[in-house]
Amino acid sequence: MKGKSLSDMAPRLGGTPVLYGLIYAFAVAFSALLLVSIVLTWTSIPETKLPVMTYVINLAAVLTGSFAAARRTGEKGWYYGGLTGLFYSVAITILGLLIVSASFTLHNLVQITLLSAIGALGGVVGVNIRR
């Protein structure tokens, strides 16, 4: 550990790549939500399409975040990608439950499970793509 910088040890620190991936995921989600809100405001697209758009945004955010996390470590893509998907989906679910004042349902559990699996897939792709 002597003489090594934090960036040299990043792959060994479990939280660092996941945090990196979460930042990417939330940046993608925020940008996409901003774009969708502008599109919904200035076009005639009905708001009934919003649930589908949010699923696509969450999918893109998790894939991007897990890809970035796994690519940063260069190993264990399924692990770091899955953790990124898990933490992102849990954060989004908690945020949604707090805003809507709803209760935790089977739908939330399925969403968390699917986004974690999608994150693992994104992580596998991220590790295996050459730089």
N, C-alpha and C. Protein backbone atom coordinates (compact mmCIF):
# COMPACT_ATOMS: atom_id res chain seq x y z
N MET A 1 0.80 -1.17 0.00
CA MET A 1 0.00 0.00 0.00
C MET A 1 0.86 1.26 0.00
N LYS A 2 2.08 1.10 0.39
CA LYS A 2 2.98 2.24 0.45
C LYS A 2 3.39 2.65 -0.96
N GLY A 3 3.26 3.93 -1.26
CA GLY A 3 3.64 4.43 -2.56
C GLY A 3 2.60 4.28 -3.65
N LYS A 4 1.44 3.74 -3.33
CA LYS A 4 0.39 3.58 -4.33
C LYS A 4 -0.66 4.67 -4.14
N SER A 5 -1.17 5.17 -5.26
CA SER A 5 -2.22 6.18 -5.18
C SER A 5 -3.58 5.49 -5.10
N LEU A 6 -4.60 6.27 -4.79
CA LEU A 6 -5.95 5.73 -4.68
C LEU A 6 -6.43 5.19 -6.02
N SER A 7 -6.05 5.84 -7.11
CA SER A 7 -6.48 5.35 -8.42
C SER A 7 -5.83 4.01 -8.77
N ASP A 8 -4.65 3.73 -8.22
CA ASP A 8 -4.01 2.43 -8.44
C ASP A 8 -4.75 1.31 -7.71
N MET A 9 -5.36 1.67 -6.60
CA MET A 9 -6.07 0.67 -5.79
C MET A 9 -7.56 0.61 -6.10
N ALA A 10 -8.05 1.43 -7.02
CA ALA A 10 -9.48 1.52 -7.30
C ALA A 10 -10.15 0.17 -7.59
N PRO A 11 -9.56 -0.71 -8.40
CA PRO A 11 -10.23 -1.98 -8.62
C PRO A 11 -10.41 -2.82 -7.36
N ARG A 12 -9.52 -2.66 -6.38
CA ARG A 12 -9.64 -3.44 -5.17
C ARG A 12 -10.62 -2.84 -4.17
N LEU A 13 -10.91 -1.59 -4.30
CA LEU A 13 -11.88 -0.95 -3.42
C LEU A 13 -13.25 -1.14 -4.04
N GLY A 14 -14.10 -1.96 -3.45
CA GLY A 14 -15.38 -2.33 -4.04
C GLY A 14 -16.29 -1.16 -4.34
N GLY A 15 -16.30 -0.14 -3.51
CA GLY A 15 -17.23 0.95 -3.70
C GLY A 15 -16.84 1.92 -4.80
N THR A 16 -15.57 2.03 -5.11
CA THR A 16 -15.12 3.04 -6.06
C THR A 16 -15.69 2.83 -7.46
N PRO A 17 -15.60 1.66 -8.07
CA PRO A 17 -16.17 1.49 -9.41
C PRO A 17 -17.69 1.61 -9.40
N VAL A 18 -18.31 1.12 -8.35
CA VAL A 18 -19.77 1.19 -8.26
C VAL A 18 -20.21 2.64 -8.14
N LEU A 19 -19.51 3.41 -7.35
CA LEU A 19 -19.83 4.83 -7.21
C LEU A 19 -19.63 5.54 -8.55
N TYR A 20 -18.57 5.21 -9.24
CA TYR A 20 -18.30 5.75 -10.57
C TYR A 20 -19.45 5.41 -11.52
N GLY A 21 -19.89 4.17 -11.50
CA GLY A 21 -21.01 3.75 -12.34
C GLY A 21 -22.32 4.43 -11.96
N LEU A 22 -22.54 4.61 -10.67
CA LEU A 22 -23.76 5.30 -10.22
C LEU A 22 -23.79 6.75 -10.68
N ILE A 23 -22.65 7.39 -10.65
CA ILE A 23 -22.59 8.78 -11.14
C ILE A 23 -22.94 8.82 -12.61
N TYR A 24 -22.41 7.90 -13.39
CA TYR A 24 -22.76 7.81 -14.81
C TYR A 24 -24.25 7.54 -14.98
N ALA A 25 -24.77 6.59 -14.23
CA ALA A 25 -26.18 6.21 -14.37
C ALA A 25 -27.10 7.37 -14.04
N PHE A 26 -26.84 8.06 -12.95
CA PHE A 26 -27.70 9.18 -12.58
C PHE A 26 -27.54 10.35 -13.54
N ALA A 27 -26.36 10.54 -14.09
CA ALA A 27 -26.17 11.60 -15.09
C ALA A 27 -26.97 11.30 -16.36
N VAL A 28 -26.93 10.04 -16.80
CA VAL A 28 -27.71 9.64 -17.97
C VAL A 28 -29.21 9.78 -17.69
N ALA A 29 -29.64 9.32 -16.52
CA ALA A 29 -31.06 9.40 -16.18
C ALA A 29 -31.54 10.85 -16.10
N PHE A 30 -30.75 11.71 -15.46
CA PHE A 30 -31.13 13.11 -15.33
C PHE A 30 -31.20 13.79 -16.70
N SER A 31 -30.20 13.54 -17.54
CA SER A 31 -30.18 14.14 -18.87
C SER A 31 -31.36 13.66 -19.71
N ALA A 32 -31.63 12.37 -19.65
CA ALA A 32 -32.74 11.81 -20.42
C ALA A 32 -34.08 12.32 -19.91
N LEU A 33 -34.23 12.43 -18.60
CA LEU A 33 -35.49 12.96 -18.05
C LEU A 33 -35.69 14.41 -18.43
N LEU A 34 -34.63 15.17 -18.46
CA LEU A 34 -34.72 16.56 -18.90
C LEU A 34 -35.15 16.63 -20.36
N LEU A 35 -34.56 15.80 -21.20
CA LEU A 35 -34.92 15.74 -22.61
C LEU A 35 -36.37 15.32 -22.80
N VAL A 36 -36.79 14.30 -22.06
CA VAL A 36 -38.18 13.83 -22.17
C VAL A 36 -39.16 14.90 -21.72
N SER A 37 -38.84 15.61 -20.67
CA SER A 37 -39.75 16.67 -20.21
C SER A 37 -39.86 17.79 -21.23
N ILE A 38 -38.76 18.12 -21.89
CA ILE A 38 -38.81 19.13 -22.95
C ILE A 38 -39.64 18.63 -24.12
N VAL A 39 -39.43 17.38 -24.51
CA VAL A 39 -40.18 16.81 -25.63
C VAL A 39 -41.68 16.75 -25.30
N LEU A 40 -42.03 16.33 -24.10
CA LEU A 40 -43.44 16.26 -23.72
C LEU A 40 -44.09 17.65 -23.65
N THR A 41 -43.31 18.65 -23.28
CA THR A 41 -43.84 20.00 -23.18
C THR A 41 -44.09 20.61 -24.55
N TRP A 42 -43.19 20.41 -25.48
CA TRP A 42 -43.26 21.11 -26.76
C TRP A 42 -43.80 20.27 -27.92
N THR A 43 -44.20 19.04 -27.68
CA THR A 43 -44.78 18.23 -28.75
C THR A 43 -46.15 17.73 -28.32
N SER A 44 -46.79 17.03 -29.22
CA SER A 44 -48.12 16.50 -28.92
C SER A 44 -48.08 15.05 -28.45
N ILE A 45 -46.93 14.57 -28.01
CA ILE A 45 -46.83 13.21 -27.49
C ILE A 45 -47.63 13.14 -26.19
N PRO A 46 -48.53 12.16 -26.08
CA PRO A 46 -49.37 12.09 -24.87
C PRO A 46 -48.59 11.63 -23.65
N GLU A 47 -49.02 12.09 -22.49
CA GLU A 47 -48.36 11.72 -21.24
C GLU A 47 -48.57 10.25 -20.88
N THR A 48 -49.47 9.59 -21.58
CA THR A 48 -49.69 8.16 -21.32
C THR A 48 -48.47 7.33 -21.73
N LYS A 49 -47.59 7.90 -22.53
CA LYS A 49 -46.34 7.22 -22.95
C LYS A 49 -45.24 7.35 -21.90
N LEU A 50 -45.47 8.13 -20.86
CA LEU A 50 -44.44 8.41 -19.86
C LEU A 50 -43.94 7.15 -19.13
N PRO A 51 -44.81 6.22 -18.72
CA PRO A 51 -44.27 5.01 -18.05
C PRO A 51 -43.29 4.23 -18.93
N VAL A 52 -43.58 4.11 -20.21
CA VAL A 52 -42.68 3.40 -21.12
C VAL A 52 -41.36 4.16 -21.23
N MET A 53 -41.45 5.48 -21.32
CA MET A 53 -40.24 6.30 -21.42
C MET A 53 -39.37 6.16 -20.17
N THR A 54 -39.98 6.09 -19.00
CA THR A 54 -39.18 5.96 -17.78
C THR A 54 -38.50 4.60 -17.69
N TYR A 55 -39.18 3.56 -18.18
CA TYR A 55 -38.54 2.24 -18.19
C TYR A 55 -37.33 2.25 -19.12
N VAL A 56 -37.47 2.88 -20.28
CA VAL A 56 -36.36 2.95 -21.23
C VAL A 56 -35.21 3.78 -20.65
N ILE A 57 -35.55 4.88 -19.98
CA ILE A 57 -34.52 5.72 -19.36
C ILE A 57 -33.77 4.94 -18.28
N ASN A 58 -34.50 4.23 -17.42
CA ASN A 58 -33.85 3.43 -16.38
C ASN A 58 -32.98 2.33 -16.97
N LEU A 59 -33.46 1.70 -18.03
CA LEU A 59 -32.68 0.68 -18.71
C LEU A 59 -31.38 1.26 -19.26
N ALA A 60 -31.47 2.39 -19.95
CA ALA A 60 -30.28 3.03 -20.52
C ALA A 60 -29.33 3.49 -19.42
N ALA A 61 -29.87 4.02 -18.33
CA ALA A 61 -29.03 4.50 -17.24
C ALA A 61 -28.27 3.36 -16.59
N VAL A 62 -28.94 2.25 -16.33
CA VAL A 62 -28.28 1.11 -15.69
C VAL A 62 -27.24 0.49 -16.63
N LEU A 63 -27.59 0.34 -17.90
CA LEU A 63 -26.61 -0.21 -18.84
C LEU A 63 -25.37 0.66 -18.93
N THR A 64 -25.56 1.97 -19.02
CA THR A 64 -24.43 2.88 -19.11
C THR A 64 -23.60 2.87 -17.83
N GLY A 65 -24.26 2.95 -16.69
CA GLY A 65 -23.55 2.96 -15.42
C GLY A 65 -22.80 1.68 -15.15
N SER A 66 -23.43 0.55 -15.41
CA SER A 66 -22.76 -0.73 -15.16
C SER A 66 -21.62 -0.97 -16.14
N PHE A 67 -21.81 -0.53 -17.38
CA PHE A 67 -20.74 -0.61 -18.38
C PHE A 67 -19.53 0.19 -17.91
N ALA A 68 -19.78 1.42 -17.44
CA ALA A 68 -18.69 2.30 -16.98
C ALA A 68 -17.99 1.73 -15.75
N ALA A 69 -18.78 1.19 -14.82
CA ALA A 69 -18.19 0.63 -13.60
C ALA A 69 -17.30 -0.56 -13.91
N ALA A 70 -17.79 -1.45 -14.75
CA ALA A 70 -17.02 -2.66 -15.08
C ALA A 70 -15.81 -2.33 -15.93
N ARG A 71 -15.96 -1.40 -16.82
CA ARG A 71 -14.84 -1.01 -17.66
C ARG A 71 -13.73 -0.35 -16.83
N ARG A 72 -14.15 0.36 -15.80
CA ARG A 72 -13.16 1.02 -14.92
C ARG A 72 -12.32 -0.01 -14.17
N THR A 73 -12.94 -1.10 -13.73
CA THR A 73 -12.19 -2.10 -12.97
C THR A 73 -11.44 -3.06 -13.87
N GLY A 74 -12.04 -3.43 -14.99
CA GLY A 74 -11.40 -4.38 -15.90
C GLY A 74 -11.57 -5.82 -15.47
N GLU A 75 -12.33 -6.07 -14.41
CA GLU A 75 -12.54 -7.45 -13.94
C GLU A 75 -13.89 -7.54 -13.24
N LYS A 76 -14.40 -8.76 -13.11
CA LYS A 76 -15.65 -9.03 -12.41
C LYS A 76 -16.79 -8.12 -12.87
N GLY A 77 -16.99 -8.08 -14.17
CA GLY A 77 -18.01 -7.20 -14.73
C GLY A 77 -19.41 -7.49 -14.23
N TRP A 78 -19.74 -8.76 -14.11
CA TRP A 78 -21.08 -9.11 -13.64
C TRP A 78 -21.29 -8.61 -12.21
N TYR A 79 -20.24 -8.66 -11.40
CA TYR A 79 -20.32 -8.26 -10.00
C TYR A 79 -20.50 -6.75 -9.87
N TYR A 80 -19.58 -5.99 -10.48
CA TYR A 80 -19.65 -4.53 -10.37
C TYR A 80 -20.85 -3.98 -11.12
N GLY A 81 -21.18 -4.56 -12.26
CA GLY A 81 -22.37 -4.13 -13.00
C GLY A 81 -23.64 -4.44 -12.25
N GLY A 82 -23.71 -5.63 -11.66
CA GLY A 82 -24.89 -6.01 -10.88
C GLY A 82 -25.08 -5.14 -9.66
N LEU A 83 -23.97 -4.83 -8.97
CA LEU A 83 -24.06 -3.93 -7.81
C LEU A 83 -24.50 -2.53 -8.21
N THR A 84 -23.99 -2.06 -9.34
CA THR A 84 -24.40 -0.74 -9.82
C THR A 84 -25.89 -0.74 -10.14
N GLY A 85 -26.36 -1.77 -10.82
CA GLY A 85 -27.79 -1.88 -11.12
C GLY A 85 -28.63 -2.00 -9.86
N LEU A 86 -28.14 -2.76 -8.89
CA LEU A 86 -28.87 -2.93 -7.64
C LEU A 86 -28.98 -1.61 -6.88
N PHE A 87 -27.86 -0.93 -6.70
CA PHE A 87 -27.88 0.33 -5.95
C PHE A 87 -28.70 1.40 -6.66
N TYR A 88 -28.59 1.46 -7.98
CA TYR A 88 -29.38 2.43 -8.75
C TYR A 88 -30.88 2.14 -8.59
N SER A 89 -31.26 0.88 -8.75
CA SER A 89 -32.68 0.55 -8.69
C SER A 89 -33.26 0.73 -7.29
N VAL A 90 -32.48 0.42 -6.26
CA VAL A 90 -32.94 0.64 -4.89
C VAL A 90 -33.10 2.14 -4.62
N ALA A 91 -32.15 2.94 -5.09
CA ALA A 91 -32.24 4.40 -4.89
C ALA A 91 -33.45 4.97 -5.62
N ILE A 92 -33.68 4.54 -6.84
CA ILE A 92 -34.83 5.02 -7.62
C ILE A 92 -36.13 4.58 -6.97
N THR A 93 -36.17 3.35 -6.47
CA THR A 93 -37.38 2.85 -5.82
C THR A 93 -37.67 3.62 -4.54
N ILE A 94 -36.66 3.84 -3.72
CA ILE A 94 -36.86 4.59 -2.48
C ILE A 94 -37.31 6.02 -2.79
N LEU A 95 -36.68 6.64 -3.77
CA LEU A 95 -37.06 7.99 -4.17
C LEU A 95 -38.51 8.02 -4.65
N GLY A 96 -38.88 7.06 -5.46
CA GLY A 96 -40.25 6.99 -5.95
C GLY A 96 -41.26 6.76 -4.84
N LEU A 97 -40.93 5.90 -3.89
CA LEU A 97 -41.84 5.63 -2.78
C LEU A 97 -41.99 6.86 -1.88
N LEU A 98 -40.92 7.62 -1.71
CA LEU A 98 -40.99 8.83 -0.89
C LEU A 98 -41.81 9.92 -1.57
N ILE A 99 -41.67 10.05 -2.88
CA ILE A 99 -42.40 11.09 -3.60
C ILE A 99 -43.88 10.78 -3.70
N VAL A 100 -44.21 9.53 -3.99
CA VAL A 100 -45.60 9.15 -4.21
C VAL A 100 -46.30 8.74 -2.92
N SER A 101 -45.57 8.47 -1.88
CA SER A 101 -46.11 7.99 -0.61
C SER A 101 -46.86 6.68 -0.79
N ALA A 102 -46.28 5.79 -1.54
CA ALA A 102 -46.87 4.49 -1.81
C ALA A 102 -46.20 3.43 -0.95
N SER A 103 -46.65 2.21 -1.09
CA SER A 103 -46.04 1.11 -0.36
C SER A 103 -45.23 0.25 -1.32
N PHE A 104 -44.31 -0.51 -0.76
CA PHE A 104 -43.45 -1.40 -1.53
C PHE A 104 -44.28 -2.57 -2.02
N THR A 105 -44.25 -2.83 -3.33
CA THR A 105 -45.06 -3.91 -3.92
C THR A 105 -44.17 -4.91 -4.65
N LEU A 106 -44.80 -5.93 -5.16
CA LEU A 106 -44.10 -6.94 -5.95
C LEU A 106 -43.49 -6.30 -7.20
N HIS A 107 -44.18 -5.32 -7.77
CA HIS A 107 -43.68 -4.60 -8.94
C HIS A 107 -42.31 -3.98 -8.65
N ASN A 108 -42.15 -3.38 -7.48
CA ASN A 108 -40.87 -2.79 -7.10
C ASN A 108 -39.78 -3.85 -6.98
N LEU A 109 -40.12 -4.98 -6.41
CA LEU A 109 -39.15 -6.07 -6.27
C LEU A 109 -38.72 -6.61 -7.63
N VAL A 110 -39.68 -6.75 -8.54
CA VAL A 110 -39.37 -7.22 -9.89
C VAL A 110 -38.47 -6.21 -10.60
N GLN A 111 -38.78 -4.92 -10.45
CA GLN A 111 -37.97 -3.88 -11.08
C GLN A 111 -36.54 -3.90 -10.55
N ILE A 112 -36.37 -4.04 -9.26
CA ILE A 112 -35.03 -4.10 -8.67
C ILE A 112 -34.26 -5.31 -9.19
N THR A 113 -34.94 -6.46 -9.25
CA THR A 113 -34.30 -7.68 -9.73
C THR A 113 -33.89 -7.56 -11.20
N LEU A 114 -34.79 -7.04 -12.03
CA LEU A 114 -34.49 -6.90 -13.45
C LEU A 114 -33.36 -5.91 -13.71
N LEU A 115 -33.40 -4.76 -13.03
CA LEU A 115 -32.34 -3.78 -13.24
C LEU A 115 -30.99 -4.29 -12.73
N SER A 116 -31.00 -5.11 -11.69
CA SER A 116 -29.74 -5.70 -11.23
C SER A 116 -29.19 -6.68 -12.26
N ALA A 117 -30.07 -7.48 -12.85
CA ALA A 117 -29.65 -8.43 -13.88
C ALA A 117 -29.17 -7.70 -15.13
N ILE A 118 -29.86 -6.63 -15.50
CA ILE A 118 -29.44 -5.83 -16.65
C ILE A 118 -28.09 -5.17 -16.37
N GLY A 119 -27.90 -4.74 -15.13
CA GLY A 119 -26.60 -4.18 -14.74
C GLY A 119 -25.49 -5.21 -14.85
N ALA A 120 -25.77 -6.43 -14.44
CA ALA A 120 -24.76 -7.50 -14.56
C ALA A 120 -24.41 -7.74 -16.02
N LEU A 121 -25.42 -7.72 -16.89
CA LEU A 121 -25.18 -7.90 -18.32
C LEU A 121 -24.34 -6.75 -18.87
N GLY A 122 -24.68 -5.51 -18.49
CA GLY A 122 -23.90 -4.36 -18.92
C GLY A 122 -22.47 -4.42 -18.43
N GLY A 123 -22.28 -4.95 -17.22
CA GLY A 123 -20.95 -5.10 -16.68
C GLY A 123 -20.12 -6.12 -17.45
N VAL A 124 -20.75 -7.22 -17.83
CA VAL A 124 -20.05 -8.24 -18.61
C VAL A 124 -19.60 -7.67 -19.95
N VAL A 125 -20.48 -6.92 -20.59
CA VAL A 125 -20.13 -6.28 -21.86
C VAL A 125 -19.02 -5.26 -21.64
N GLY A 126 -19.12 -4.48 -20.58
CA GLY A 126 -18.11 -3.45 -20.29
C GLY A 126 -16.72 -4.01 -20.07
N VAL A 127 -16.62 -5.14 -19.42
CA VAL A 127 -15.31 -5.74 -19.18
C VAL A 127 -14.73 -6.32 -20.46
N ASN A 128 -15.59 -6.86 -21.31
CA ASN A 128 -15.11 -7.58 -22.48
C ASN A 128 -14.90 -6.72 -23.72
N ILE A 129 -15.26 -5.46 -23.68
CA ILE A 129 -15.01 -4.58 -24.83
C ILE A 129 -13.62 -3.99 -24.68
N ARG A 130 -12.88 -4.03 -25.74
CA ARG A 130 -11.50 -3.52 -25.71
C ARG A 130 -11.49 -2.00 -25.68
N ARG A 131 -10.48 -1.48 -25.02
CA ARG A 131 -10.35 -0.02 -24.92
C ARG A 131 -9.81 0.55 -26.19
